[in-house]
Amino acid sequence: MGQIDFFEYGIIYDIILFMLFAVGVFDIIFMIVTARRDIEEKKEYAQLIVKWLGILLKAAAAVYCFIVTFTYDVDLTTKLIHAGIGALLAVDTVFSLYYKIKYGRLPLAENGGKR
């Protein structure tokens, strides 16, 4: 059986891959911007933006991209695209976990420390 080309998957799959790439890029940009802010903004970001389900889904998407990269019989372009998106999502997952664990449980100032 011949190799599968990236563009043979269909436009919906390409859109999903683009959306995963965009999520990873925007999350990392927002984390870098938030890292330069004070502790209150980091707490707010960790509690309101970073969600456990999002972390889990990004990790699952990264694992899927690595499975496609290393086990499927695909062309080199497809392997590189999936490896790049998988690496980006893996980095995003690690940083999201860091933010959620470090700042997610700290109380916000405006609610008086109550959760």
PDB file of N, CA and C in Angstrom:
ATOM      1  N   MET A   1       0.837  -1.175   0.000  1.00  0.00           N
ATOM      2  CA  MET A   1       0.000   0.000   0.000  1.00  0.00           C
ATOM      3  C   MET A   1       0.884   1.240   0.000  1.00  0.00           C
ATOM      4  N   GLY A   2       0.499   2.254  -0.760  1.00  0.00           N
ATOM      5  CA  GLY A   2       1.295   3.461  -0.883  1.00  0.00           C
ATOM      6  C   GLY A   2       1.179   4.360   0.332  1.00  0.00           C
ATOM      7  N   GLN A   3       2.023   5.334   0.355  1.00  0.00           N
ATOM      8  CA  GLN A   3       2.003   6.272   1.474  1.00  0.00           C
ATOM      9  C   GLN A   3       0.820   7.226   1.347  1.00  0.00           C
ATOM     10  N   ILE A   4       0.338   7.670   2.489  1.00  0.00           N
ATOM     11  CA  ILE A   4      -0.784   8.597   2.528  1.00  0.00           C
ATOM     12  C   ILE A   4      -0.231  10.012   2.520  1.00  0.00           C
ATOM     13  N   ASP A   5      -0.777  10.831   1.662  1.00  0.00           N
ATOM     14  CA  ASP A   5      -0.375  12.235   1.569  1.00  0.00           C
ATOM     15  C   ASP A   5      -1.210  13.058   2.553  1.00  0.00           C
ATOM     16  N   PHE A   6      -0.615  14.133   3.051  1.00  0.00           N
ATOM     17  CA  PHE A   6      -1.288  14.996   4.031  1.00  0.00           C
ATOM     18  C   PHE A   6      -2.603  15.528   3.488  1.00  0.00           C
ATOM     19  N   PHE A   7      -2.662  15.869   2.237  1.00  0.00           N
ATOM     20  CA  PHE A   7      -3.849  16.492   1.671  1.00  0.00           C
ATOM     21  C   PHE A   7      -4.917  15.479   1.268  1.00  0.00           C
ATOM     22  N   GLU A   8      -4.634  14.182   1.410  1.00  0.00           N
ATOM     23  CA  GLU A   8      -5.627  13.160   1.114  1.00  0.00           C
ATOM     24  C   GLU A   8      -6.577  12.921   2.283  1.00  0.00           C
ATOM     25  N   TYR A   9      -6.284  13.471   3.454  1.00  0.00           N
ATOM     26  CA  TYR A   9      -7.151  13.278   4.618  1.00  0.00           C
ATOM     27  C   TYR A   9      -8.463  14.022   4.481  1.00  0.00           C
ATOM     28  N   GLY A  10      -8.471  15.108   3.782  1.00  0.00           N
ATOM     29  CA  GLY A  10      -9.688  15.897   3.615  1.00  0.00           C
ATOM     30  C   GLY A  10      -9.561  17.253   4.285  1.00  0.00           C
ATOM     31  N   ILE A  11     -10.414  18.160   3.886  1.00  0.00           N
ATOM     32  CA  ILE A  11     -10.337  19.538   4.351  1.00  0.00           C
ATOM     33  C   ILE A  11     -10.694  19.651   5.833  1.00  0.00           C
ATOM     34  N   ILE A  12     -11.604  18.813   6.330  1.00  0.00           N
ATOM     35  CA  ILE A  12     -11.993  18.882   7.742  1.00  0.00           C
ATOM     36  C   ILE A  12     -10.804  18.522   8.631  1.00  0.00           C
ATOM     37  N   TYR A  13     -10.075  17.501   8.264  1.00  0.00           N
ATOM     38  CA  TYR A  13      -8.892  17.107   9.036  1.00  0.00           C
ATOM     39  C   TYR A  13      -7.840  18.215   9.013  1.00  0.00           C
ATOM     40  N   ASP A  14      -7.663  18.836   7.853  1.00  0.00           N
ATOM     41  CA  ASP A  14      -6.710  19.947   7.752  1.00  0.00           C
ATOM     42  C   ASP A  14      -7.125  21.121   8.635  1.00  0.00           C
ATOM     43  N   ILE A  15      -8.414  21.408   8.697  1.00  0.00           N
ATOM     44  CA  ILE A  15      -8.913  22.492   9.539  1.00  0.00           C
ATOM     45  C   ILE A  15      -8.697  22.166  11.013  1.00  0.00           C
ATOM     46  N   ILE A  16      -8.938  20.914  11.407  1.00  0.00           N
ATOM     47  CA  ILE A  16      -8.713  20.507  12.793  1.00  0.00           C
ATOM     48  C   ILE A  16      -7.246  20.649  13.160  1.00  0.00           C
ATOM     49  N   LEU A  17      -6.350  20.230  12.275  1.00  0.00           N
ATOM     50  CA  LEU A  17      -4.918  20.381  12.548  1.00  0.00           C
ATOM     51  C   LEU A  17      -4.527  21.852  12.655  1.00  0.00           C
ATOM     52  N   PHE A  18      -5.085  22.685  11.789  1.00  0.00           N
ATOM     53  CA  PHE A  18      -4.800  24.119  11.871  1.00  0.00           C
ATOM     54  C   PHE A  18      -5.313  24.704  13.184  1.00  0.00           C
ATOM     55  N   MET A  19      -6.500  24.283  13.618  1.00  0.00           N
ATOM     56  CA  MET A  19      -7.045  24.776  14.879  1.00  0.00           C
ATOM     57  C   MET A  19      -6.189  24.334  16.062  1.00  0.00           C
ATOM     58  N   LEU A  20      -5.696  23.093  16.043  1.00  0.00           N
ATOM     59  CA  LEU A  20      -4.806  22.638  17.115  1.00  0.00           C
ATOM     60  C   LEU A  20      -3.518  23.450  17.135  1.00  0.00           C
ATOM     61  N   PHE A  21      -2.995  23.746  15.956  1.00  0.00           N
ATOM     62  CA  PHE A  21      -1.799  24.574  15.867  1.00  0.00           C
ATOM     63  C   PHE A  21      -2.077  25.971  16.423  1.00  0.00           C
ATOM     64  N   ALA A  22      -3.217  26.552  16.043  1.00  0.00           N
ATOM     65  CA  ALA A  22      -3.564  27.902  16.514  1.00  0.00           C
ATOM     66  C   ALA A  22      -3.756  27.927  18.024  1.00  0.00           C
ATOM     67  N   VAL A  23      -4.396  26.916  18.582  1.00  0.00           N
ATOM     68  CA  VAL A  23      -4.586  26.849  20.035  1.00  0.00           C
ATOM     69  C   VAL A  23      -3.242  26.809  20.744  1.00  0.00           C
ATOM     70  N   GLY A  24      -2.331  25.978  20.247  1.00  0.00           N
ATOM     71  CA  GLY A  24      -1.006  25.893  20.861  1.00  0.00           C
ATOM     72  C   GLY A  24      -0.241  27.200  20.795  1.00  0.00           C
ATOM     73  N   VAL A  25      -0.277  27.854  19.659  1.00  0.00           N
ATOM     74  CA  VAL A  25       0.452  29.119  19.491  1.00  0.00           C
ATOM     75  C   VAL A  25      -0.145  30.207  20.378  1.00  0.00           C
ATOM     76  N   PHE A  26      -1.473  30.355  20.363  1.00  0.00           N
ATOM     77  CA  PHE A  26      -2.099  31.406  21.167  1.00  0.00           C
ATOM     78  C   PHE A  26      -1.931  31.155  22.659  1.00  0.00           C
ATOM     79  N   ASP A  27      -2.039  29.902  23.086  1.00  0.00           N
ATOM     80  CA  ASP A  27      -1.835  29.604  24.505  1.00  0.00           C
ATOM     81  C   ASP A  27      -0.429  29.973  24.958  1.00  0.00           C
ATOM     82  N   ILE A  28       0.560  29.635  24.165  1.00  0.00           N
ATOM     83  CA  ILE A  28       1.939  29.944  24.540  1.00  0.00           C
ATOM     84  C   ILE A  28       2.166  31.455  24.538  1.00  0.00           C
ATOM     85  N   ILE A  29       1.596  32.157  23.565  1.00  0.00           N
ATOM     86  CA  ILE A  29       1.723  33.623  23.548  1.00  0.00           C
ATOM     87  C   ILE A  29       1.091  34.234  24.790  1.00  0.00           C
ATOM     88  N   PHE A  30      -0.117  33.787  25.139  1.00  0.00           N
ATOM     89  CA  PHE A  30      -0.790  34.333  26.323  1.00  0.00           C
ATOM     90  C   PHE A  30      -0.036  33.985  27.603  1.00  0.00           C
ATOM     91  N   MET A  31       0.570  32.812  27.658  1.00  0.00           N
ATOM     92  CA  MET A  31       1.341  32.446  28.851  1.00  0.00           C
ATOM     93  C   MET A  31       2.592  33.306  28.985  1.00  0.00           C
ATOM     94  N   ILE A  32       3.225  33.611  27.872  1.00  0.00           N
ATOM     95  CA  ILE A  32       4.408  34.475  27.916  1.00  0.00           C
ATOM     96  C   ILE A  32       4.014  35.881  28.347  1.00  0.00           C
ATOM     97  N   VAL A  33       2.907  36.395  27.809  1.00  0.00           N
ATOM     98  CA  VAL A  33       2.441  37.724  28.208  1.00  0.00           C
ATOM     99  C   VAL A  33       2.061  37.733  29.682  1.00  0.00           C
ATOM    100  N   THR A  34       1.363  36.697  30.139  1.00  0.00           N
ATOM    101  CA  THR A  34       0.947  36.618  31.530  1.00  0.00           C
ATOM    102  C   THR A  34       2.138  36.430  32.469  1.00  0.00           C
ATOM    103  N   ALA A  35       3.178  35.775  32.017  1.00  0.00           N
ATOM    104  CA  ALA A  35       4.359  35.555  32.861  1.00  0.00           C
ATOM    105  C   ALA A  35       5.035  36.867  33.233  1.00  0.00           C
ATOM    106  N   ARG A  36       4.837  37.894  32.440  1.00  0.00           N
ATOM    107  CA  ARG A  36       5.438  39.198  32.722  1.00  0.00           C
ATOM    108  C   ARG A  36       4.558  40.061  33.629  1.00  0.00           C
ATOM    109  N   ARG A  37       3.397  39.568  33.985  1.00  0.00           N
ATOM    110  CA  ARG A  37       2.449  40.328  34.814  1.00  0.00           C
ATOM    111  C   ARG A  37       2.656  39.996  36.289  1.00  0.00           C
ATOM    112  N   ASP A  38       1.844  40.630  37.127  1.00  0.00           N
ATOM    113  CA  ASP A  38       1.948  40.380  38.565  1.00  0.00           C
ATOM    114  C   ASP A  38       1.245  39.073  38.936  1.00  0.00           C
ATOM    115  N   ILE A  39       1.354  38.693  40.203  1.00  0.00           N
ATOM    116  CA  ILE A  39       0.858  37.410  40.681  1.00  0.00           C
ATOM    117  C   ILE A  39      -0.663  37.307  40.588  1.00  0.00           C
ATOM    118  N   GLU A  40      -1.361  38.415  40.755  1.00  0.00           N
ATOM    119  CA  GLU A  40      -2.825  38.385  40.683  1.00  0.00           C
ATOM    120  C   GLU A  40      -3.311  38.025  39.275  1.00  0.00           C
ATOM    121  N   GLU A  41      -2.660  38.558  38.273  1.00  0.00           N
ATOM    122  CA  GLU A  41      -3.056  38.228  36.902  1.00  0.00           C
ATOM    123  C   GLU A  41      -2.711  36.786  36.560  1.00  0.00           C
ATOM    124  N   LYS A  42      -1.624  36.274  37.109  1.00  0.00           N
ATOM    125  CA  LYS A  42      -1.291  34.865  36.900  1.00  0.00           C
ATOM    126  C   LYS A  42      -2.338  33.966  37.543  1.00  0.00           C
ATOM    127  N   LYS A  43      -2.784  34.325  38.741  1.00  0.00           N
ATOM    128  CA  LYS A  43      -3.823  33.547  39.416  1.00  0.00           C
ATOM    129  C   LYS A  43      -5.121  33.587  38.626  1.00  0.00           C
ATOM    130  N   GLU A  44      -5.466  34.775  38.153  1.00  0.00           N
ATOM    131  CA  GLU A  44      -6.696  34.909  37.369  1.00  0.00           C
ATOM    132  C   GLU A  44      -6.620  34.093  36.083  1.00  0.00           C
ATOM    133  N   TYR A  45      -5.491  34.143  35.404  1.00  0.00           N
ATOM    134  CA  TYR A  45      -5.310  33.374  34.173  1.00  0.00           C
ATOM    135  C   TYR A  45      -5.421  31.873  34.450  1.00  0.00           C
ATOM    136  N   ALA A  46      -4.774  31.421  35.520  1.00  0.00           N
ATOM    137  CA  ALA A  46      -4.774  29.992  35.839  1.00  0.00           C
ATOM    138  C   ALA A  46      -6.166  29.493  36.220  1.00  0.00           C
ATOM    139  N   GLN A  47      -6.949  30.327  36.875  1.00  0.00           N
ATOM    140  CA  GLN A  47      -8.262  29.889  37.327  1.00  0.00           C
ATOM    141  C   GLN A  47      -9.342  30.051  36.265  1.00  0.00           C
ATOM    142  N   LEU A  48      -9.262  31.098  35.469  1.00  0.00           N
ATOM    143  CA  LEU A  48     -10.337  31.377  34.532  1.00  0.00           C
ATOM    144  C   LEU A  48     -10.087  30.848  33.123  1.00  0.00           C
ATOM    145  N   ILE A  49      -8.847  30.776  32.716  1.00  0.00           N
ATOM    146  CA  ILE A  49      -8.545  30.394  31.332  1.00  0.00           C
ATOM    147  C   ILE A  49      -8.080  28.948  31.229  1.00  0.00           C
ATOM    148  N   VAL A  50      -7.136  28.549  32.074  1.00  0.00           N
ATOM    149  CA  VAL A  50      -6.570  27.203  31.990  1.00  0.00           C
ATOM    150  C   VAL A  50      -7.522  26.236  32.692  1.00  0.00           C
ATOM    151  N   LYS A  51      -8.055  25.288  31.947  1.00  0.00           N
ATOM    152  CA  LYS A  51      -8.995  24.302  32.484  1.00  0.00           C
ATOM    153  C   LYS A  51      -8.395  22.902  32.374  1.00  0.00           C
ATOM    154  N   TRP A  52      -8.785  22.057  33.343  1.00  0.00           N
ATOM    155  CA  TRP A  52      -8.255  20.693  33.363  1.00  0.00           C
ATOM    156  C   TRP A  52      -8.652  19.910  32.117  1.00  0.00           C
ATOM    157  N   LEU A  53      -9.863  20.077  31.646  1.00  0.00           N
ATOM    158  CA  LEU A  53     -10.307  19.376  30.442  1.00  0.00           C
ATOM    159  C   LEU A  53      -9.499  19.819  29.218  1.00  0.00           C
ATOM    160  N   GLY A  54      -9.190  21.101  29.138  1.00  0.00           N
ATOM    161  CA  GLY A  54      -8.366  21.605  28.038  1.00  0.00           C
ATOM    162  C   GLY A  54      -6.964  21.016  28.068  1.00  0.00           C
ATOM    163  N   ILE A  55      -6.402  20.885  29.257  1.00  0.00           N
ATOM    164  CA  ILE A  55      -5.076  20.281  29.398  1.00  0.00           C
ATOM    165  C   ILE A  55      -5.120  18.829  28.932  1.00  0.00           C
ATOM    166  N   LEU A  56      -6.155  18.107  29.355  1.00  0.00           N
ATOM    167  CA  LEU A  56      -6.297  16.705  28.970  1.00  0.00           C
ATOM    168  C   LEU A  56      -6.474  16.548  27.461  1.00  0.00           C
ATOM    169  N   LEU A  57      -7.295  17.398  26.855  1.00  0.00           N
ATOM    170  CA  LEU A  57      -7.522  17.303  25.416  1.00  0.00           C
ATOM    171  C   LEU A  57      -6.278  17.667  24.604  1.00  0.00           C
ATOM    172  N   LYS A  58      -5.513  18.668  25.073  1.00  0.00           N
ATOM    173  CA  LYS A  58      -4.269  19.013  24.369  1.00  0.00           C
ATOM    174  C   LYS A  58      -3.252  17.883  24.482  1.00  0.00           C
ATOM    175  N   ALA A  59      -3.197  17.239  25.645  1.00  0.00           N
ATOM    176  CA  ALA A  59      -2.284  16.105  25.815  1.00  0.00           C
ATOM    177  C   ALA A  59      -2.693  14.945  24.908  1.00  0.00           C
ATOM    178  N   ALA A  60      -3.993  14.673  24.814  1.00  0.00           N
ATOM    179  CA  ALA A  60      -4.476  13.597  23.938  1.00  0.00           C
ATOM    180  C   ALA A  60      -4.187  13.910  22.471  1.00  0.00           C
ATOM    181  N   ALA A  61      -4.357  15.153  22.071  1.00  0.00           N
ATOM    182  CA  ALA A  61      -4.063  15.543  20.686  1.00  0.00           C
ATOM    183  C   ALA A  61      -2.564  15.419  20.400  1.00  0.00           C
ATOM    184  N   ALA A  62      -1.723  15.762  21.374  1.00  0.00           N
ATOM    185  CA  ALA A  62      -0.277  15.622  21.191  1.00  0.00           C
ATOM    186  C   ALA A  62       0.095  14.151  21.029  1.00  0.00           C
ATOM    187  N   VAL A  63      -0.495  13.289  21.852  1.00  0.00           N
ATOM    188  CA  VAL A  63      -0.224  11.850  21.744  1.00  0.00           C
ATOM    189  C   VAL A  63      -0.668  11.328  20.387  1.00  0.00           C
ATOM    190  N   TYR A  64      -1.848  11.746  19.930  1.00  0.00           N
ATOM    191  CA  TYR A  64      -2.326  11.321  18.618  1.00  0.00           C
ATOM    192  C   TYR A  64      -1.375  11.769  17.500  1.00  0.00           C
ATOM    193  N   CYS A  65      -0.913  13.014  17.571  1.00  0.00           N
ATOM    194  CA  CYS A  65       0.010  13.512  16.546  1.00  0.00           C
ATOM    195  C   CYS A  65       1.305  12.712  16.536  1.00  0.00           C
ATOM    196  N   PHE A  66       1.803  12.350  17.723  1.00  0.00           N
ATOM    197  CA  PHE A  66       3.024  11.544  17.776  1.00  0.00           C
ATOM    198  C   PHE A  66       2.782  10.123  17.274  1.00  0.00           C
ATOM    199  N   ILE A  67       1.584   9.574  17.517  1.00  0.00           N
ATOM    200  CA  ILE A  67       1.260   8.245  16.989  1.00  0.00           C
ATOM    201  C   ILE A  67       1.248   8.279  15.466  1.00  0.00           C
ATOM    202  N   VAL A  68       0.629   9.313  14.898  1.00  0.00           N
ATOM    203  CA  VAL A  68       0.621   9.443  13.435  1.00  0.00           C
ATOM    204  C   VAL A  68       2.050   9.591  12.911  1.00  0.00           C
ATOM    205  N   THR A  69       2.872  10.359  13.606  1.00  0.00           N
ATOM    206  CA  THR A  69       4.243  10.604  13.162  1.00  0.00           C
ATOM    207  C   THR A  69       5.063   9.325  13.134  1.00  0.00           C
ATOM    208  N   PHE A  70       4.938   8.522  14.178  1.00  0.00           N
ATOM    209  CA  PHE A  70       5.865   7.401  14.327  1.00  0.00           C
ATOM    210  C   PHE A  70       5.313   6.054  13.896  1.00  0.00           C
ATOM    211  N   THR A  71       4.002   5.908  13.696  1.00  0.00           N
ATOM    212  CA  THR A  71       3.472   4.585  13.353  1.00  0.00           C
ATOM    213  C   THR A  71       2.769   4.522  11.997  1.00  0.00           C
ATOM    214  N   TYR A  72       2.213   5.605  11.513  1.00  0.00           N
ATOM    215  CA  TYR A  72       1.476   5.566  10.251  1.00  0.00           C
ATOM    216  C   TYR A  72       2.439   5.622   9.074  1.00  0.00           C
ATOM    217  N   ASP A  73       2.003   5.017   7.982  1.00  0.00           N
ATOM    218  CA  ASP A  73       2.787   5.058   6.744  1.00  0.00           C
ATOM    219  C   ASP A  73       2.345   6.292   5.952  1.00  0.00           C
ATOM    220  N   VAL A  74       2.963   7.426   6.276  1.00  0.00           N
ATOM    221  CA  VAL A  74       2.615   8.693   5.645  1.00  0.00           C
ATOM    222  C   VAL A  74       3.874   9.304   5.032  1.00  0.00           C
ATOM    223  N   ASP A  75       3.671  10.291   4.179  1.00  0.00           N
ATOM    224  CA  ASP A  75       4.818  10.945   3.560  1.00  0.00           C
ATOM    225  C   ASP A  75       5.530  11.851   4.571  1.00  0.00           C
ATOM    226  N   LEU A  76       6.691  12.349   4.174  1.00  0.00           N
ATOM    227  CA  LEU A  76       7.535  13.138   5.072  1.00  0.00           C
ATOM    228  C   LEU A  76       6.864  14.432   5.508  1.00  0.00           C
ATOM    229  N   THR A  77       6.149  15.092   4.606  1.00  0.00           N
ATOM    230  CA  THR A  77       5.470  16.340   4.954  1.00  0.00           C
ATOM    231  C   THR A  77       4.440  16.109   6.056  1.00  0.00           C
ATOM    232  N   THR A  78       3.680  15.050   5.930  1.00  0.00           N
ATOM    233  CA  THR A  78       2.670  14.726   6.932  1.00  0.00           C
ATOM    234  C   THR A  78       3.320  14.415   8.272  1.00  0.00           C
ATOM    235  N   LYS A  79       4.426  13.686   8.245  1.00  0.00           N
ATOM    236  CA  LYS A  79       5.145  13.385   9.489  1.00  0.00           C
ATOM    237  C   LYS A  79       5.659  14.657  10.153  1.00  0.00           C
ATOM    238  N   LEU A  80       6.216  15.560   9.379  1.00  0.00           N
ATOM    239  CA  LEU A  80       6.745  16.804   9.933  1.00  0.00           C
ATOM    240  C   LEU A  80       5.637  17.689  10.503  1.00  0.00           C
ATOM    241  N   ILE A  81       4.516  17.769   9.812  1.00  0.00           N
ATOM    242  CA  ILE A  81       3.399  18.575  10.289  1.00  0.00           C
ATOM    243  C   ILE A  81       2.873  18.017  11.605  1.00  0.00           C
ATOM    244  N   HIS A  82       2.656  16.706  11.665  1.00  0.00           N
ATOM    245  CA  HIS A  82       2.150  16.092  12.890  1.00  0.00           C
ATOM    246  C   HIS A  82       3.180  16.169  14.023  1.00  0.00           C
ATOM    247  N   ALA A  83       4.448  16.000  13.710  1.00  0.00           N
ATOM    248  CA  ALA A  83       5.482  16.105  14.754  1.00  0.00           C
ATOM    249  C   ALA A  83       5.556  17.522  15.305  1.00  0.00           C
ATOM    250  N   GLY A  84       5.469  18.520  14.435  1.00  0.00           N
ATOM    251  CA  GLY A  84       5.514  19.909  14.887  1.00  0.00           C
ATOM    252  C   GLY A  84       4.318  20.279  15.744  1.00  0.00           C
ATOM    253  N   ILE A  85       3.129  19.889  15.307  1.00  0.00           N
ATOM    254  CA  ILE A  85       1.933  20.186  16.090  1.00  0.00           C
ATOM    255  C   ILE A  85       1.946  19.403  17.399  1.00  0.00           C
ATOM    256  N   GLY A  86       2.403  18.160  17.361  1.00  0.00           N
ATOM    257  CA  GLY A  86       2.494  17.363  18.585  1.00  0.00           C
ATOM    258  C   GLY A  86       3.465  17.961  19.579  1.00  0.00           C
ATOM    259  N   ALA A  87       4.614  18.430  19.102  1.00  0.00           N
ATOM    260  CA  ALA A  87       5.593  19.052  19.995  1.00  0.00           C
ATOM    261  C   ALA A  87       5.042  20.355  20.571  1.00  0.00           C
ATOM    262  N   LEU A  88       4.379  21.152  19.748  1.00  0.00           N
ATOM    263  CA  LEU A  88       3.787  22.398  20.220  1.00  0.00           C
ATOM    264  C   LEU A  88       2.721  22.136  21.280  1.00  0.00           C
ATOM    265  N   LEU A  89       1.876  21.146  21.056  1.00  0.00           N
ATOM    266  CA  LEU A  89       0.839  20.821  22.033  1.00  0.00           C
ATOM    267  C   LEU A  89       1.430  20.215  23.304  1.00  0.00           C
ATOM    268  N   ALA A  90       2.517  19.460  23.181  1.00  0.00           N
ATOM    269  CA  ALA A  90       3.170  18.911  24.373  1.00  0.00           C
ATOM    270  C   ALA A  90       3.750  20.026  25.236  1.00  0.00           C
ATOM    271  N   VAL A  91       4.394  20.996  24.607  1.00  0.00           N
ATOM    272  CA  VAL A  91       4.931  22.145  25.346  1.00  0.00           C
ATOM    273  C   VAL A  91       3.790  22.938  25.977  1.00  0.00           C
ATOM    274  N   ASP A  92       2.725  23.141  25.229  1.00  0.00           N
ATOM    275  CA  ASP A  92       1.561  23.858  25.750  1.00  0.00           C
ATOM    276  C   ASP A  92       0.959  23.118  26.947  1.00  0.00           C
ATOM    277  N   THR A  93       0.882  21.801  26.879  1.00  0.00           N
ATOM    278  CA  THR A  93       0.347  21.006  27.983  1.00  0.00           C
ATOM    279  C   THR A  93       1.209  21.141  29.233  1.00  0.00           C
ATOM    280  N   VAL A  94       2.522  21.097  29.059  1.00  0.00           N
ATOM    281  CA  VAL A  94       3.427  21.213  30.212  1.00  0.00           C
ATOM    282  C   VAL A  94       3.294  22.580  30.867  1.00  0.00           C
ATOM    283  N   PHE A  95       3.290  23.636  30.078  1.00  0.00           N
ATOM    284  CA  PHE A  95       3.164  24.981  30.644  1.00  0.00           C
ATOM    285  C   PHE A  95       1.781  25.215  31.254  1.00  0.00           C
ATOM    286  N   SER A  96       0.735  24.667  30.636  1.00  0.00           N
ATOM    287  CA  SER A  96      -0.603  24.795  31.209  1.00  0.00           C
ATOM    288  C   SER A  96      -0.691  24.080  32.551  1.00  0.00           C
ATOM    289  N   LEU A  97      -0.102  22.899  32.639  1.00  0.00           N
ATOM    290  CA  LEU A  97      -0.058  22.181  33.915  1.00  0.00           C
ATOM    291  C   LEU A  97       0.698  22.981  34.968  1.00  0.00           C
ATOM    292  N   TYR A  98       1.807  23.570  34.574  1.00  0.00           N
ATOM    293  CA  TYR A  98       2.592  24.388  35.504  1.00  0.00           C
ATOM    294  C   TYR A  98       1.760  25.544  36.048  1.00  0.00           C
ATOM    295  N   TYR A  99       1.089  26.261  35.156  1.00  0.00           N
ATOM    296  CA  TYR A  99       0.267  27.391  35.582  1.00  0.00           C
ATOM    297  C   TYR A  99      -0.885  26.930  36.468  1.00  0.00           C
ATOM    298  N   LYS A 100      -1.542  25.851  36.088  1.00  0.00           N
ATOM    299  CA  LYS A 100      -2.702  25.385  36.846  1.00  0.00           C
ATOM    300  C   LYS A 100      -2.302  24.902  38.232  1.00  0.00           C
ATOM    301  N   ILE A 101      -1.203  24.177  38.332  1.00  0.00           N
ATOM    302  CA  ILE A 101      -0.769  23.657  39.624  1.00  0.00           C
ATOM    303  C   ILE A 101      -0.212  24.771  40.501  1.00  0.00           C
ATOM    304  N   LYS A 102       0.594  25.650  39.941  1.00  0.00           N
ATOM    305  CA  LYS A 102       1.237  26.683  40.749  1.00  0.00           C
ATOM    306  C   LYS A 102       0.285  27.804  41.145  1.00  0.00           C
ATOM    307  N   TYR A 103      -0.542  28.274  40.229  1.00  0.00           N
ATOM    308  CA  TYR A 103      -1.368  29.447  40.490  1.00  0.00           C
ATOM    309  C   TYR A 103      -2.862  29.150  40.580  1.00  0.00           C
ATOM    310  N   GLY A 104      -3.293  27.982  40.188  1.00  0.00           N
ATOM    311  CA  GLY A 104      -4.724  27.691  40.110  1.00  0.00           C
ATOM    312  C   GLY A 104      -5.424  27.565  41.446  1.00  0.00           C
ATOM    313  N   ARG A 105      -4.716  27.217  42.495  1.00  0.00           N
ATOM    314  CA  ARG A 105      -5.348  27.025  43.802  1.00  0.00           C
ATOM    315  C   ARG A 105      -5.229  28.242  44.714  1.00  0.00           C
ATOM    316  N   LEU A 106      -4.461  29.232  44.312  1.00  0.00           N
ATOM    317  CA  LEU A 106      -4.316  30.423  45.140  1.00  0.00           C
ATOM    318  C   LEU A 106      -5.590  31.259  45.054  1.00  0.00           C
ATOM    319  N   PRO A 107      -6.045  31.813  46.164  1.00  0.00           N
ATOM    320  CA  PRO A 107      -7.297  32.591  46.130  1.00  0.00           C
ATOM    321  C   PRO A 107      -7.117  33.914  45.404  1.00  0.00           C
ATOM    322  N   LEU A 108      -8.161  34.312  44.715  1.00  0.00           N
ATOM    323  CA  LEU A 108      -8.171  35.616  44.064  1.00  0.00           C
ATOM    324  C   LEU A 108      -8.462  36.686  45.097  1.00  0.00           C
ATOM    325  N   ALA A 109      -7.955  37.873  44.874  1.00  0.00           N
ATOM    326  CA  ALA A 109      -8.094  38.964  45.860  1.00  0.00           C
ATOM    327  C   ALA A 109      -9.527  39.455  45.979  1.00  0.00           C
ATOM    328  N   GLU A 110     -10.278  39.515  44.868  1.00  0.00           N
ATOM    329  CA  GLU A 110     -11.588  40.139  44.927  1.00  0.00           C
ATOM    330  C   GLU A 110     -12.660  39.279  45.612  1.00  0.00           C
ATOM    331  N   ASN A 111     -12.408  38.002  45.812  1.00  0.00           N
ATOM    332  CA  ASN A 111     -13.400  37.194  46.509  1.00  0.00           C
ATOM    333  C   ASN A 111     -13.020  36.939  47.964  1.00  0.00           C
ATOM    334  N   GLY A 112     -12.045  37.617  48.470  1.00  0.00           N
ATOM    335  CA  GLY A 112     -11.680  37.522  49.861  1.00  0.00           C
ATOM    336  C   GLY A 112     -11.044  36.204  50.260  1.00  0.00           C
ATOM    337  N   GLY A 113     -10.510  35.487  49.310  1.00  0.00           N
ATOM    338  CA  GLY A 113      -9.853  34.228  49.611  1.00  0.00           C
ATOM    339  C   GLY A 113     -10.799  33.048  49.658  1.00  0.00           C
ATOM    340  N   LYS A 114     -12.087  33.252  49.313  1.00  0.00           N
ATOM    341  CA  LYS A 114     -13.056  32.151  49.322  1.00  0.00           C
ATOM    342  C   LYS A 114     -13.179  31.557  47.933  1.00  0.00           C
ATOM    343  N   ARG A 115     -13.399  30.265  47.884  1.00  0.00           N
ATOM    344  CA  ARG A 115     -13.570  29.591  46.596  1.00  0.00           C
ATOM    345  C   ARG A 115     -15.001  29.220  46.382  1.00  0.00           C
TER     346      ARG A 115
END
